[in-house]
């Protein structure tokens, strides 16, 4: 997936700006498509900067835990294969 040009904190600030003005004016000012702002609003609507930081932290922790579980599953499979060959 392509890396976003804006961080999540910047996106929330752009959405706050779009609430004060029009979406079209904010899109022109920031150099993004109006559809992008609507997509961001759908994803980050109603969030504050602190909420976005917490969401990012939780996503990183979730990715780390998924990796640990995958490694553990691989170890279990290897142990099963070793156990099966011994008998």
PDB file of N, CA and C in Angstrom:
ATOM      1  N   UNK A   1       0.841  -1.173   0.000  1.00  0.00           N
ATOM      2  CA  UNK A   1       0.000   0.000   0.000  1.00  0.00           C
ATOM      3  C   UNK A   1       0.886   1.236   0.000  1.00  0.00           C
ATOM      4  N   UNK A   2       0.478   2.243  -0.730  1.00  0.00           N
ATOM      5  CA  UNK A   2       1.259   3.460  -0.860  1.00  0.00           C
ATOM      6  C   UNK A   2       1.245   4.256   0.450  1.00  0.00           C
ATOM      7  N   UNK A   3       2.398   4.783   0.808  1.00  0.00           N
ATOM      8  CA  UNK A   3       2.525   5.597   2.022  1.00  0.00           C
ATOM      9  C   UNK A   3       1.853   6.940   1.789  1.00  0.00           C
ATOM     10  N   UNK A   4       1.099   7.386   2.778  1.00  0.00           N
ATOM     11  CA  UNK A   4       0.386   8.648   2.679  1.00  0.00           C
ATOM     12  C   UNK A   4       1.358   9.823   2.761  1.00  0.00           C
ATOM     13  N   UNK A   5       1.032  10.872   2.066  1.00  0.00           N
ATOM     14  CA  UNK A   5       1.844  12.083   2.098  1.00  0.00           C
ATOM     15  C   UNK A   5       1.675  12.809   3.431  1.00  0.00           C
ATOM     16  N   UNK A   6       0.538  12.597   4.060  1.00  0.00           N
ATOM     17  CA  UNK A   6       0.216  13.263   5.317  1.00  0.00           C
ATOM     18  C   UNK A   6       0.180  12.250   6.458  1.00  0.00           C
ATOM     19  N   UNK A   7       0.589  12.689   7.647  1.00  0.00           N
ATOM     20  CA  UNK A   7       0.469  11.839   8.826  1.00  0.00           C
ATOM     21  C   UNK A   7      -0.979  11.882   9.301  1.00  0.00           C
ATOM     22  N   UNK A   8      -1.306  10.960  10.196  1.00  0.00           N
ATOM     23  CA  UNK A   8      -2.673  10.923  10.709  1.00  0.00           C
ATOM     24  C   UNK A   8      -3.019  12.209  11.451  1.00  0.00           C
ATOM     25  N   UNK A   9      -2.045  12.763  12.171  1.00  0.00           N
ATOM     26  CA  UNK A   9      -2.294  14.016  12.896  1.00  0.00           C
ATOM     27  C   UNK A   9      -2.595  15.154  11.921  1.00  0.00           C
ATOM     28  N   UNK A  10      -1.847  15.200  10.824  1.00  0.00           N
ATOM     29  CA  UNK A  10      -2.094  16.237   9.826  1.00  0.00           C
ATOM     30  C   UNK A  10      -3.463  16.055   9.178  1.00  0.00           C
ATOM     31  N   UNK A  11      -3.852  14.816   8.952  1.00  0.00           N
ATOM     32  CA  UNK A  11      -5.158  14.546   8.352  1.00  0.00           C
ATOM     33  C   UNK A  11      -6.274  15.047   9.259  1.00  0.00           C
ATOM     34  N   UNK A  12      -6.153  14.811  10.565  1.00  0.00           N
ATOM     35  CA  UNK A  12      -7.177  15.285  11.503  1.00  0.00           C
ATOM     36  C   UNK A  12      -7.249  16.808  11.476  1.00  0.00           C
ATOM     37  N   UNK A  13      -6.105  17.458  11.418  1.00  0.00           N
ATOM     38  CA  UNK A  13      -6.110  18.921  11.358  1.00  0.00           C
ATOM     39  C   UNK A  13      -6.733  19.427  10.056  1.00  0.00           C
ATOM     40  N   UNK A  14      -6.471  18.745   8.954  1.00  0.00           N
ATOM     41  CA  UNK A  14      -7.083  19.124   7.672  1.00  0.00           C
ATOM     42  C   UNK A  14      -8.596  18.940   7.751  1.00  0.00           C
ATOM     43  N   UNK A  15      -9.040  17.873   8.390  1.00  0.00           N
ATOM     44  CA  UNK A  15     -10.485  17.658   8.539  1.00  0.00           C
ATOM     45  C   UNK A  15     -11.128  18.742   9.394  1.00  0.00           C
ATOM     46  N   UNK A  16     -10.431  19.178  10.431  1.00  0.00           N
ATOM     47  CA  UNK A  16     -10.961  20.277  11.260  1.00  0.00           C
ATOM     48  C   UNK A  16     -11.059  21.551  10.415  1.00  0.00           C
ATOM     49  N   UNK A  17     -10.066  21.775   9.577  1.00  0.00           N
ATOM     50  CA  UNK A  17     -10.090  22.949   8.687  1.00  0.00           C
ATOM     51  C   UNK A  17     -11.250  22.839   7.695  1.00  0.00           C
ATOM     52  N   UNK A  18     -11.506  21.632   7.197  1.00  0.00           N
ATOM     53  CA  UNK A  18     -12.606  21.431   6.247  1.00  0.00           C
ATOM     54  C   UNK A  18     -13.959  21.667   6.907  1.00  0.00           C
ATOM     55  N   UNK A  19     -14.042  21.445   8.216  1.00  0.00           N
ATOM     56  CA  UNK A  19     -15.292  21.721   8.926  1.00  0.00           C
ATOM     57  C   UNK A  19     -15.556  23.218   9.016  1.00  0.00           C
ATOM     58  N   UNK A  20     -14.467  24.005   9.118  1.00  0.00           N
ATOM     59  CA  UNK A  20     -14.630  25.451   9.247  1.00  0.00           C
ATOM     60  C   UNK A  20     -14.889  26.133   7.909  1.00  0.00           C
ATOM     61  N   UNK A  21     -14.312  25.589   6.844  1.00  0.00           N
ATOM     62  CA  UNK A  21     -14.524  26.126   5.496  1.00  0.00           C
ATOM     63  C   UNK A  21     -15.203  25.046   4.672  1.00  0.00           C
ATOM     64  N   UNK A  22     -15.162  25.196   3.375  1.00  0.00           N
ATOM     65  CA  UNK A  22     -15.742  24.164   2.519  1.00  0.00           C
ATOM     66  C   UNK A  22     -14.695  23.102   2.211  1.00  0.00           C
ATOM     67  N   UNK A  23     -15.189  21.937   1.858  1.00  0.00           N
ATOM     68  CA  UNK A  23     -14.288  20.842   1.486  1.00  0.00           C
ATOM     69  C   UNK A  23     -13.518  21.213   0.228  1.00  0.00           C
ATOM     70  N   UNK A  24     -14.174  21.854  -0.710  1.00  0.00           N
ATOM     71  CA  UNK A  24     -13.515  22.225  -1.959  1.00  0.00           C
ATOM     72  C   UNK A  24     -12.369  23.211  -1.704  1.00  0.00           C
ATOM     73  N   UNK A  25     -12.595  24.204  -0.853  1.00  0.00           N
ATOM     74  CA  UNK A  25     -11.554  25.183  -0.561  1.00  0.00           C
ATOM     75  C   UNK A  25     -10.372  24.540   0.160  1.00  0.00           C
ATOM     76  N   UNK A  26     -10.665  23.671   1.092  1.00  0.00           N
ATOM     77  CA  UNK A  26      -9.596  22.985   1.821  1.00  0.00           C
ATOM     78  C   UNK A  26      -8.814  22.069   0.893  1.00  0.00           C
ATOM     79  N   UNK A  27      -9.514  21.373   0.009  1.00  0.00           N
ATOM     80  CA  UNK A  27      -8.843  20.480  -0.940  1.00  0.00           C
ATOM     81  C   UNK A  27      -7.905  21.263  -1.856  1.00  0.00           C
ATOM     82  N   UNK A  28      -8.364  22.409  -2.353  1.00  0.00           N
ATOM     83  CA  UNK A  28      -7.504  23.239  -3.213  1.00  0.00           C
ATOM     84  C   UNK A  28      -6.296  23.744  -2.442  1.00  0.00           C
ATOM     85  N   UNK A  29      -6.524  24.201  -1.210  1.00  0.00           N
ATOM     86  CA  UNK A  29      -5.446  24.761  -0.403  1.00  0.00           C
ATOM     87  C   UNK A  29      -4.383  23.705  -0.100  1.00  0.00           C
ATOM     88  N   UNK A  30      -4.821  22.497   0.212  1.00  0.00           N
ATOM     89  CA  UNK A  30      -3.889  21.430   0.601  1.00  0.00           C
ATOM     90  C   UNK A  30      -3.375  20.620  -0.588  1.00  0.00           C
ATOM     91  N   UNK A  31      -3.968  20.794  -1.743  1.00  0.00           N
ATOM     92  CA  UNK A  31      -3.504  20.076  -2.931  1.00  0.00           C
ATOM     93  C   UNK A  31      -3.916  18.611  -2.957  1.00  0.00           C
ATOM     94  N   UNK A  32      -5.098  18.318  -2.424  1.00  0.00           N
ATOM     95  CA  UNK A  32      -5.619  16.954  -2.459  1.00  0.00           C
ATOM     96  C   UNK A  32      -6.985  16.983  -3.127  1.00  0.00           C
ATOM     97  N   UNK A  33      -7.446  15.819  -3.523  1.00  0.00           N
ATOM     98  CA  UNK A  33      -8.767  15.724  -4.145  1.00  0.00           C
ATOM     99  C   UNK A  33      -9.855  15.803  -3.073  1.00  0.00           C
ATOM    100  N   UNK A  34     -10.999  16.310  -3.467  1.00  0.00           N
ATOM    101  CA  UNK A  34     -12.123  16.373  -2.528  1.00  0.00           C
ATOM    102  C   UNK A  34     -12.491  14.979  -2.040  1.00  0.00           C
ATOM    103  N   UNK A  35     -12.420  14.007  -2.937  1.00  0.00           N
ATOM    104  CA  UNK A  35     -12.746  12.632  -2.567  1.00  0.00           C
ATOM    105  C   UNK A  35     -11.817  12.119  -1.468  1.00  0.00           C
ATOM    106  N   UNK A  36     -10.572  12.576  -1.493  1.00  0.00           N
ATOM    107  CA  UNK A  36      -9.615  12.180  -0.454  1.00  0.00           C
ATOM    108  C   UNK A  36     -10.070  12.688   0.904  1.00  0.00           C
ATOM    109  N   UNK A  37     -10.527  13.922   0.942  1.00  0.00           N
ATOM    110  CA  UNK A  37     -11.002  14.484   2.206  1.00  0.00           C
ATOM    111  C   UNK A  37     -12.223  13.720   2.694  1.00  0.00           C
ATOM    112  N   UNK A  38     -13.127  13.354   1.801  1.00  0.00           N
ATOM    113  CA  UNK A  38     -14.301  12.575   2.204  1.00  0.00           C
ATOM    114  C   UNK A  38     -13.892  11.197   2.715  1.00  0.00           C
ATOM    115  N   UNK A  39     -12.893  10.578   2.079  1.00  0.00           N
ATOM    116  CA  UNK A  39     -12.408   9.275   2.533  1.00  0.00           C
ATOM    117  C   UNK A  39     -11.765   9.399   3.911  1.00  0.00           C
ATOM    118  N   UNK A  40     -10.973  10.461   4.099  1.00  0.00           N
ATOM    119  CA  UNK A  40     -10.369  10.709   5.410  1.00  0.00           C
ATOM    120  C   UNK A  40     -11.450  10.930   6.459  1.00  0.00           C
ATOM    121  N   UNK A  41     -12.486  11.664   6.096  1.00  0.00           N
ATOM    122  CA  UNK A  41     -13.572  11.939   7.039  1.00  0.00           C
ATOM    123  C   UNK A  41     -14.254  10.643   7.454  1.00  0.00           C
ATOM    124  N   UNK A  42     -14.404   9.726   6.506  1.00  0.00           N
ATOM    125  CA  UNK A  42     -15.017   8.441   6.810  1.00  0.00           C
ATOM    126  C   UNK A  42     -14.128   7.637   7.759  1.00  0.00           C
ATOM    127  N   UNK A  43     -12.813   7.724   7.555  1.00  0.00           N
ATOM    128  CA  UNK A  43     -11.883   6.946   8.367  1.00  0.00           C
ATOM    129  C   UNK A  43     -11.592   7.604   9.712  1.00  0.00           C
ATOM    130  N   UNK A  44     -11.366   8.917   9.724  1.00  0.00           N
ATOM    131  CA  UNK A  44     -10.927   9.618  10.926  1.00  0.00           C
ATOM    132  C   UNK A  44     -11.959  10.577  11.490  1.00  0.00           C
ATOM    133  N   UNK A  45     -13.169  10.573  10.960  1.00  0.00           N
ATOM    134  CA  UNK A  45     -14.181  11.517  11.400  1.00  0.00           C
ATOM    135  C   UNK A  45     -14.483  11.400  12.883  1.00  0.00           C
ATOM    136  N   UNK A  46     -14.518  12.511  13.571  1.00  0.00           N
ATOM    137  CA  UNK A  46     -14.831  12.527  14.994  1.00  0.00           C
ATOM    138  C   UNK A  46     -13.656  12.210  15.898  1.00  0.00           C
ATOM    139  N   UNK A  47     -12.496  11.993  15.326  1.00  0.00           N
ATOM    140  CA  UNK A  47     -11.325  11.680  16.140  1.00  0.00           C
ATOM    141  C   UNK A  47     -10.526  12.942  16.430  1.00  0.00           C
ATOM    142  N   UNK A  48      -9.882  12.924  17.562  1.00  0.00           N
ATOM    143  CA  UNK A  48      -8.936  13.978  17.916  1.00  0.00           C
ATOM    144  C   UNK A  48      -7.535  13.451  17.648  1.00  0.00           C
ATOM    145  N   UNK A  49      -6.558  14.340  17.722  1.00  0.00           N
ATOM    146  CA  UNK A  49      -5.172  13.952  17.454  1.00  0.00           C
ATOM    147  C   UNK A  49      -4.728  12.869  18.439  1.00  0.00           C
ATOM    148  N   UNK A  50      -5.115  12.994  19.692  1.00  0.00           N
ATOM    149  CA  UNK A  50      -4.729  11.988  20.690  1.00  0.00           C
ATOM    150  C   UNK A  50      -5.350  10.624  20.370  1.00  0.00           C
ATOM    151  N   UNK A  51      -6.578  10.619  19.844  1.00  0.00           N
ATOM    152  CA  UNK A  51      -7.218   9.366  19.453  1.00  0.00           C
ATOM    153  C   UNK A  51      -6.462   8.700  18.312  1.00  0.00           C
ATOM    154  N   UNK A  52      -5.991   9.500  17.378  1.00  0.00           N
ATOM    155  CA  UNK A  52      -5.259   8.959  16.237  1.00  0.00           C
ATOM    156  C   UNK A  52      -3.928   8.372  16.696  1.00  0.00           C
ATOM    157  N   UNK A  53      -3.261   9.040  17.619  1.00  0.00           N
ATOM    158  CA  UNK A  53      -2.001   8.510  18.151  1.00  0.00           C
ATOM    159  C   UNK A  53      -2.232   7.176  18.853  1.00  0.00           C
ATOM    160  N   UNK A  54      -3.310   7.098  19.627  1.00  0.00           N
ATOM    161  CA  UNK A  54      -3.642   5.856  20.317  1.00  0.00           C
ATOM    162  C   UNK A  54      -3.961   4.756  19.313  1.00  0.00           C
ATOM    163  N   UNK A  55      -4.688   5.092  18.254  1.00  0.00           N
ATOM    164  CA  UNK A  55      -5.015   4.122  17.213  1.00  0.00           C
ATOM    165  C   UNK A  55      -3.745   3.595  16.559  1.00  0.00           C
ATOM    166  N   UNK A  56      -2.795   4.489  16.254  1.00  0.00           N
ATOM    167  CA  UNK A  56      -1.535   4.068  15.649  1.00  0.00           C
ATOM    168  C   UNK A  56      -0.764   3.148  16.593  1.00  0.00           C
ATOM    169  N   UNK A  57      -0.734   3.494  17.878  1.00  0.00           N
ATOM    170  CA  UNK A  57      -0.027   2.672  18.854  1.00  0.00           C
ATOM    171  C   UNK A  57      -0.657   1.281  18.946  1.00  0.00           C
ATOM    172  N   UNK A  58      -1.980   1.233  18.942  1.00  0.00           N
ATOM    173  CA  UNK A  58      -2.663  -0.056  19.002  1.00  0.00           C
ATOM    174  C   UNK A  58      -2.424  -0.893  17.747  1.00  0.00           C
ATOM    175  N   UNK A  59      -2.387  -0.255  16.583  1.00  0.00           N
ATOM    176  CA  UNK A  59      -2.104  -0.981  15.340  1.00  0.00           C
ATOM    177  C   UNK A  59      -0.697  -1.570  15.352  1.00  0.00           C
ATOM    178  N   UNK A  60       0.270  -0.783  15.844  1.00  0.00           N
ATOM    179  CA  UNK A  60       1.640  -1.279  15.917  1.00  0.00           C
ATOM    180  C   UNK A  60       1.742  -2.448  16.886  1.00  0.00           C
ATOM    181  N   UNK A  61       1.069  -2.332  18.029  1.00  0.00           N
ATOM    182  CA  UNK A  61       1.093  -3.416  19.005  1.00  0.00           C
ATOM    183  C   UNK A  61       0.415  -4.661  18.439  1.00  0.00           C
ATOM    184  N   UNK A  62      -0.682  -4.477  17.728  1.00  0.00           N
ATOM    185  CA  UNK A  62      -1.391  -5.596  17.117  1.00  0.00           C
ATOM    186  C   UNK A  62      -0.509  -6.302  16.087  1.00  0.00           C
ATOM    187  N   UNK A  63       0.205  -5.533  15.281  1.00  0.00           N
ATOM    188  CA  UNK A  63       1.108  -6.127  14.292  1.00  0.00           C
ATOM    189  C   UNK A  63       2.213  -6.919  14.981  1.00  0.00           C
ATOM    190  N   UNK A  64       2.748  -6.391  16.073  1.00  0.00           N
ATOM    191  CA  UNK A  64       3.807  -7.076  16.807  1.00  0.00           C
ATOM    192  C   UNK A  64       3.282  -8.384  17.388  1.00  0.00           C
ATOM    193  N   UNK A  65       2.081  -8.348  17.958  1.00  0.00           N
ATOM    194  CA  UNK A  65       1.503  -9.550  18.544  1.00  0.00           C
ATOM    195  C   UNK A  65       1.176 -10.599  17.482  1.00  0.00           C
ATOM    196  N   UNK A  66       0.699 -10.172  16.326  1.00  0.00           N
ATOM    197  CA  UNK A  66       0.427 -11.112  15.245  1.00  0.00           C
ATOM    198  C   UNK A  66       1.709 -11.803  14.793  1.00  0.00           C
ATOM    199  N   UNK A  67       2.785 -11.049  14.742  1.00  0.00           N
ATOM    200  CA  UNK A  67       4.071 -11.626  14.364  1.00  0.00           C
ATOM    201  C   UNK A  67       4.521 -12.658  15.393  1.00  0.00           C
ATOM    202  N   UNK A  68       4.356 -12.343  16.681  1.00  0.00           N
ATOM    203  CA  UNK A  68       4.718 -13.293  17.728  1.00  0.00           C
ATOM    204  C   UNK A  68       3.901 -14.578  17.635  1.00  0.00           C
ATOM    205  N   UNK A  69       2.611 -14.452  17.382  1.00  0.00           N
ATOM    206  CA  UNK A  69       1.747 -15.623  17.265  1.00  0.00           C
ATOM    207  C   UNK A  69       2.159 -16.462  16.054  1.00  0.00           C
ATOM    208  N   UNK A  70       2.474 -15.811  14.945  1.00  0.00           N
ATOM    209  CA  UNK A  70       2.898 -16.544  13.750  1.00  0.00           C
ATOM    210  C   UNK A  70       4.192 -17.303  14.020  1.00  0.00           C
ATOM    211  N   UNK A  71       5.138 -16.684  14.700  1.00  0.00           N
ATOM    212  CA  UNK A  71       6.392 -17.359  15.036  1.00  0.00           C
ATOM    213  C   UNK A  71       6.144 -18.541  15.963  1.00  0.00           C
ATOM    214  N   UNK A  72       5.261 -18.353  16.940  1.00  0.00           N
ATOM    215  CA  UNK A  72       4.938 -19.433  17.874  1.00  0.00           C
ATOM    216  C   UNK A  72       4.280 -20.592  17.147  1.00  0.00           C
ATOM    217  N   UNK A  73       3.366 -20.291  16.224  1.00  0.00           N
ATOM    218  CA  UNK A  73       2.718 -21.354  15.447  1.00  0.00           C
ATOM    219  C   UNK A  73       3.733 -22.128  14.620  1.00  0.00           C
ATOM    220  N   UNK A  74       4.693 -21.427  14.053  1.00  0.00           N
ATOM    221  CA  UNK A  74       5.734 -22.081  13.272  1.00  0.00           C
ATOM    222  C   UNK A  74       6.566 -23.010  14.158  1.00  0.00           C
ATOM    223  N   UNK A  75       6.906 -22.554  15.357  1.00  0.00           N
ATOM    224  CA  UNK A  75       7.661 -23.386  16.290  1.00  0.00           C
ATOM    225  C   UNK A  75       6.869 -24.639  16.668  1.00  0.00           C
ATOM    226  N   UNK A  76       5.581 -24.505  16.889  1.00  0.00           N
ATOM    227  CA  UNK A  76       4.734 -25.643  17.243  1.00  0.00           C
ATOM    228  C   UNK A  76       4.707 -26.652  16.098  1.00  0.00           C
ATOM    229  N   UNK A  77       4.569 -26.172  14.870  1.00  0.00           N
ATOM    230  CA  UNK A  77       4.552 -27.064  13.712  1.00  0.00           C
ATOM    231  C   UNK A  77       5.869 -27.823  13.573  1.00  0.00           C
ATOM    232  N   UNK A  78       6.971 -27.136  13.787  1.00  0.00           N
ATOM    233  CA  UNK A  78       8.283 -27.779  13.702  1.00  0.00           C
ATOM    234  C   UNK A  78       8.397 -28.839  14.784  1.00  0.00           C
ATOM    235  N   UNK A  79       7.975 -28.534  15.993  1.00  0.00           N
ATOM    236  CA  UNK A  79       8.038 -29.505  17.086  1.00  0.00           C
ATOM    237  C   UNK A  79       7.162 -30.731  16.793  1.00  0.00           C
ATOM    238  N   UNK A  80       6.005 -30.524  16.181  1.00  0.00           N
ATOM    239  CA  UNK A  80       5.138 -31.640  15.815  1.00  0.00           C
ATOM    240  C   UNK A  80       5.813 -32.538  14.789  1.00  0.00           C
ATOM    241  N   UNK A  81       6.475 -31.917  13.807  1.00  0.00           N
ATOM    242  CA  UNK A  81       7.179 -32.704  12.795  1.00  0.00           C
ATOM    243  C   UNK A  81       8.319 -33.503  13.411  1.00  0.00           C
ATOM    244  N   UNK A  82       9.050 -32.893  14.304  1.00  0.00           N
ATOM    245  CA  UNK A  82      10.152 -33.586  14.976  1.00  0.00           C
ATOM    246  C   UNK A  82       9.605 -34.748  15.808  1.00  0.00           C
ATOM    247  N   UNK A  83       8.529 -34.506  16.527  1.00  0.00           N
ATOM    248  CA  UNK A  83       7.930 -35.541  17.362  1.00  0.00           C
ATOM    249  C   UNK A  83       7.430 -36.695  16.508  1.00  0.00           C
ATOM    250  N   UNK A  84       6.843 -36.410  15.354  1.00  0.00           N
ATOM    251  CA  UNK A  84       6.318 -37.453  14.479  1.00  0.00           C
ATOM    252  C   UNK A  84       7.433 -38.321  13.918  1.00  0.00           C
ATOM    253  N   UNK A  85       8.589 -37.754  13.651  1.00  0.00           N
ATOM    254  CA  UNK A  85       9.702 -38.516  13.071  1.00  0.00           C
ATOM    255  C   UNK A  85      10.405 -39.389  14.105  1.00  0.00           C
ATOM    256  N   UNK A  86      10.318 -39.066  15.364  1.00  0.00           N
ATOM    257  CA  UNK A  86      11.004 -39.850  16.400  1.00  0.00           C
ATOM    258  C   UNK A  86      10.413 -41.236  16.563  1.00  0.00           C
ATOM    259  N   UNK A  87       9.126 -41.394  16.359  1.00  0.00           N
ATOM    260  CA  UNK A  87       8.476 -42.677  16.602  1.00  0.00           C
ATOM    261  C   UNK A  87       8.417 -43.404  15.337  1.00  0.00           C
TER     262      UNK A  87
END
